[in-house]
């Protein structure tokens, strides 16, 4: 298969894969371009041309995930962009659900402000970033079992405070 034909045939598919992960049209287009550059370099290594679509999709998704990881490392986790982040992630829902989700996230954010700094960091890394306990332990230079128990306690405390607020 000629590379130009492959580009034309799989561009839309790779754009959808990239956009689903990155959620930004221009960055997804950049990701597709980077995917095709990587694929062009590795095309001679591809053994089964019947699986070129799946192969390209894997490259696109991994490239997009790498991009997201680089962005997170550069930006950290700014709490000020909370509402912007919320609007981008829940765009598939209807407006009422979006407002409800944003409202709940705002309540969580306000409730977490009263928590000690270490608990805030751990819960933010766990809930916002989706990191595992061992990744958090590495980031905070702590024992993984200590992180696990502290996250458990912080979540329980968070749940109790929210239940108290909602029952009042």
Protein backbone atom coordinates (compact mmCIF):
# COMPACT_ATOMS: atom_id res chain seq x y z
CA UNK A 1 0.00 0.00 0.00
CA UNK A 2 1.33 3.40 -0.94
CA UNK A 3 1.82 5.80 1.97
CA UNK A 4 -0.33 8.55 0.41
CA UNK A 5 -3.21 6.10 0.02
CA UNK A 6 -2.76 4.92 3.59
CA UNK A 7 -2.80 8.55 4.79
CA UNK A 8 -6.04 9.32 2.97
CA UNK A 9 -7.71 6.09 4.03
CA UNK A 10 -6.89 6.26 7.75
CA UNK A 11 -6.71 9.99 8.51
CA UNK A 12 -10.32 10.27 9.79
CA UNK A 13 -10.02 7.15 11.93
CA UNK A 14 -6.80 8.37 13.55
CA UNK A 15 -8.28 11.82 14.10
CA UNK A 16 -11.23 10.29 15.98
CA UNK A 17 -8.88 8.21 18.13
CA UNK A 18 -6.70 11.24 18.88
CA UNK A 19 -9.62 13.57 19.55
CA UNK A 20 -11.21 11.08 21.95
CA UNK A 21 -8.09 11.21 24.09
CA UNK A 22 -6.89 14.80 23.68
CA UNK A 23 -10.28 16.56 23.31
CA UNK A 24 -8.84 19.44 21.30
CA UNK A 25 -9.31 19.62 17.54
CA UNK A 26 -5.99 21.29 16.62
CA UNK A 27 -3.93 19.16 19.00
CA UNK A 28 -5.65 16.02 17.70
CA UNK A 29 -4.70 17.02 14.14
CA UNK A 30 -1.10 17.53 15.30
CA UNK A 31 -1.23 14.11 16.91
CA UNK A 32 -2.39 12.51 13.66
CA UNK A 33 0.49 14.14 11.80
CA UNK A 34 2.96 12.89 14.41
CA UNK A 35 1.38 9.43 14.17
CA UNK A 36 1.93 9.31 10.42
CA UNK A 37 5.54 10.48 10.82
CA UNK A 38 6.18 7.65 13.31
CA UNK A 39 4.38 5.17 11.07
CA UNK A 40 6.38 6.25 8.02
CA UNK A 41 9.62 5.61 9.90
CA UNK A 42 8.46 2.17 11.11
CA UNK A 43 6.56 1.05 8.00
CA UNK A 44 9.30 -1.35 6.86
CA UNK A 45 8.98 -3.17 10.22
CA UNK A 46 5.26 -3.85 9.72
CA UNK A 47 4.86 -7.55 8.92
CA UNK A 48 1.13 -7.83 8.17
CA UNK A 49 -0.27 -5.07 5.97
CA UNK A 50 -3.80 -6.36 6.71
CA UNK A 51 -3.47 -4.94 10.23
CA UNK A 52 -2.25 -1.48 9.22
CA UNK A 53 -5.42 0.23 10.55
CA UNK A 54 -5.11 -1.31 14.00
CA UNK A 55 -1.36 -0.63 13.99
CA UNK A 56 -1.92 3.04 13.16
CA UNK A 57 -4.66 3.33 15.79
CA UNK A 58 -2.34 1.99 18.47
CA UNK A 59 0.38 4.45 17.44
CA UNK A 60 -2.16 7.32 17.49
CA UNK A 61 -3.53 6.43 20.92
CA UNK A 62 -0.08 5.97 22.46
CA UNK A 63 1.14 9.22 20.94
CA UNK A 64 -1.93 11.04 22.31
CA UNK A 65 -1.45 9.53 25.76
CA UNK A 66 2.21 10.56 25.72
CA UNK A 67 1.13 14.08 24.76
CA UNK A 68 -1.34 14.24 27.66
CA UNK A 69 1.33 13.00 30.08
CA UNK A 70 3.80 15.65 28.87
CA UNK A 71 1.17 18.35 29.28
CA UNK A 72 0.35 17.23 32.81
CA UNK A 73 4.00 17.26 33.80
CA UNK A 74 4.47 20.77 32.42
CA UNK A 75 1.27 22.20 33.88
CA UNK A 76 1.10 20.33 37.17
CA UNK A 77 -2.47 20.30 38.38
CA UNK A 78 -3.77 23.87 38.56
CA UNK A 79 -6.92 24.09 40.62
CA UNK A 80 -7.82 27.44 39.00
CA UNK A 81 -8.64 25.72 35.71
CA UNK A 82 -11.15 23.52 37.47
CA UNK A 83 -14.23 24.80 35.64
CA UNK A 84 -12.57 24.79 32.21
CA UNK A 85 -11.45 21.22 32.72
CA UNK A 86 -14.95 20.29 33.86
CA UNK A 87 -16.58 21.74 30.75
CA UNK A 88 -14.21 19.92 28.42
CA UNK A 89 -14.67 16.48 29.94
CA UNK A 90 -18.44 16.38 30.26
CA UNK A 91 -19.29 17.72 26.81
CA UNK A 92 -21.15 14.52 25.86
CA UNK A 93 -23.79 15.09 28.52
CA UNK A 94 -26.77 17.37 28.39
CA UNK A 95 -26.57 20.82 29.95
CA UNK A 96 -28.38 19.88 33.19
CA UNK A 97 -26.02 16.97 33.80
CA UNK A 98 -22.98 19.16 33.01
CA UNK A 99 -24.10 21.80 35.51
CA UNK A 100 -24.77 19.10 38.11
CA UNK A 101 -21.34 17.53 37.63
CA UNK A 102 -19.63 20.93 37.78
CA UNK A 103 -21.61 21.80 40.90
CA UNK A 104 -20.54 18.57 42.61
CA UNK A 105 -16.91 19.11 41.61
CA UNK A 106 -17.05 22.64 43.00
CA UNK A 107 -18.42 21.29 46.29
CA UNK A 108 -15.57 18.78 46.39
CA UNK A 109 -13.05 21.52 45.71
CA UNK A 110 -14.47 23.76 48.46
CA UNK A 111 -14.59 20.89 50.94
CA UNK A 112 -10.99 19.94 50.17
CA UNK A 113 -9.80 23.47 50.96
CA UNK A 114 -10.17 22.70 54.68
CA UNK A 115 -8.04 19.55 54.42
CA UNK A 116 -4.33 19.49 55.30
CA UNK A 117 -2.04 20.15 52.33
CA UNK A 118 -0.79 16.57 52.16
CA UNK A 119 -4.35 15.19 52.00
CA UNK A 120 -5.23 17.70 49.28
CA UNK A 121 -2.21 16.65 47.22
CA UNK A 122 -2.92 12.95 47.58
CA UNK A 123 -6.60 13.23 46.76
CA UNK A 124 -5.88 15.53 43.80
CA UNK A 125 -3.32 13.10 42.43
CA UNK A 126 -5.68 10.16 42.97
CA UNK A 127 -8.99 11.66 41.82
CA UNK A 128 -7.97 14.34 39.31
CA UNK A 129 -4.92 12.73 37.80
CA UNK A 130 -5.97 9.11 38.21
CA UNK A 131 -2.59 8.06 39.60
CA UNK A 132 -2.19 4.77 41.44
CA UNK A 133 -1.03 4.64 45.05
CA UNK A 134 2.49 3.54 44.12
CA UNK A 135 2.78 6.41 41.61
CA UNK A 136 1.64 8.88 44.28
CA UNK A 137 4.10 7.35 46.74
CA UNK A 138 6.92 7.85 44.26
CA UNK A 139 5.87 11.43 43.54
CA UNK A 140 5.63 12.32 47.24
CA UNK A 141 8.59 10.17 48.34
CA UNK A 142 6.48 8.05 50.67
CA UNK A 143 5.82 4.39 51.38
CA UNK A 144 3.00 3.01 49.13
CA UNK A 145 1.16 1.44 52.08
CA UNK A 146 1.28 4.78 53.93
CA UNK A 147 -0.16 6.54 50.89
CA UNK A 148 -2.91 3.93 50.58
CA UNK A 149 -4.01 4.30 54.20
CA UNK A 150 -3.81 8.13 54.09
CA UNK A 151 -5.91 8.24 50.91
CA UNK A 152 -8.43 5.90 52.51
CA UNK A 153 -8.70 8.13 55.59
CA UNK A 154 -8.88 11.32 53.52
CA UNK A 155 -11.64 9.87 51.30
CA UNK A 156 -13.60 8.74 54.36
CA UNK A 157 -13.21 12.22 55.91
CA UNK A 158 -14.31 13.81 52.62
CA UNK A 159 -17.36 11.53 52.41
CA UNK A 160 -18.33 12.32 56.02
CA UNK A 161 -18.05 16.09 55.48
CA UNK A 162 -20.12 15.99 52.31
CA UNK A 163 -22.76 13.81 53.95
CA UNK A 164 -22.86 16.25 56.87
CA UNK A 165 -23.31 19.22 54.54
CA UNK A 166 -26.02 17.52 52.50
CA UNK A 167 -27.95 16.33 55.54
CA UNK A 168 -28.01 19.83 57.05
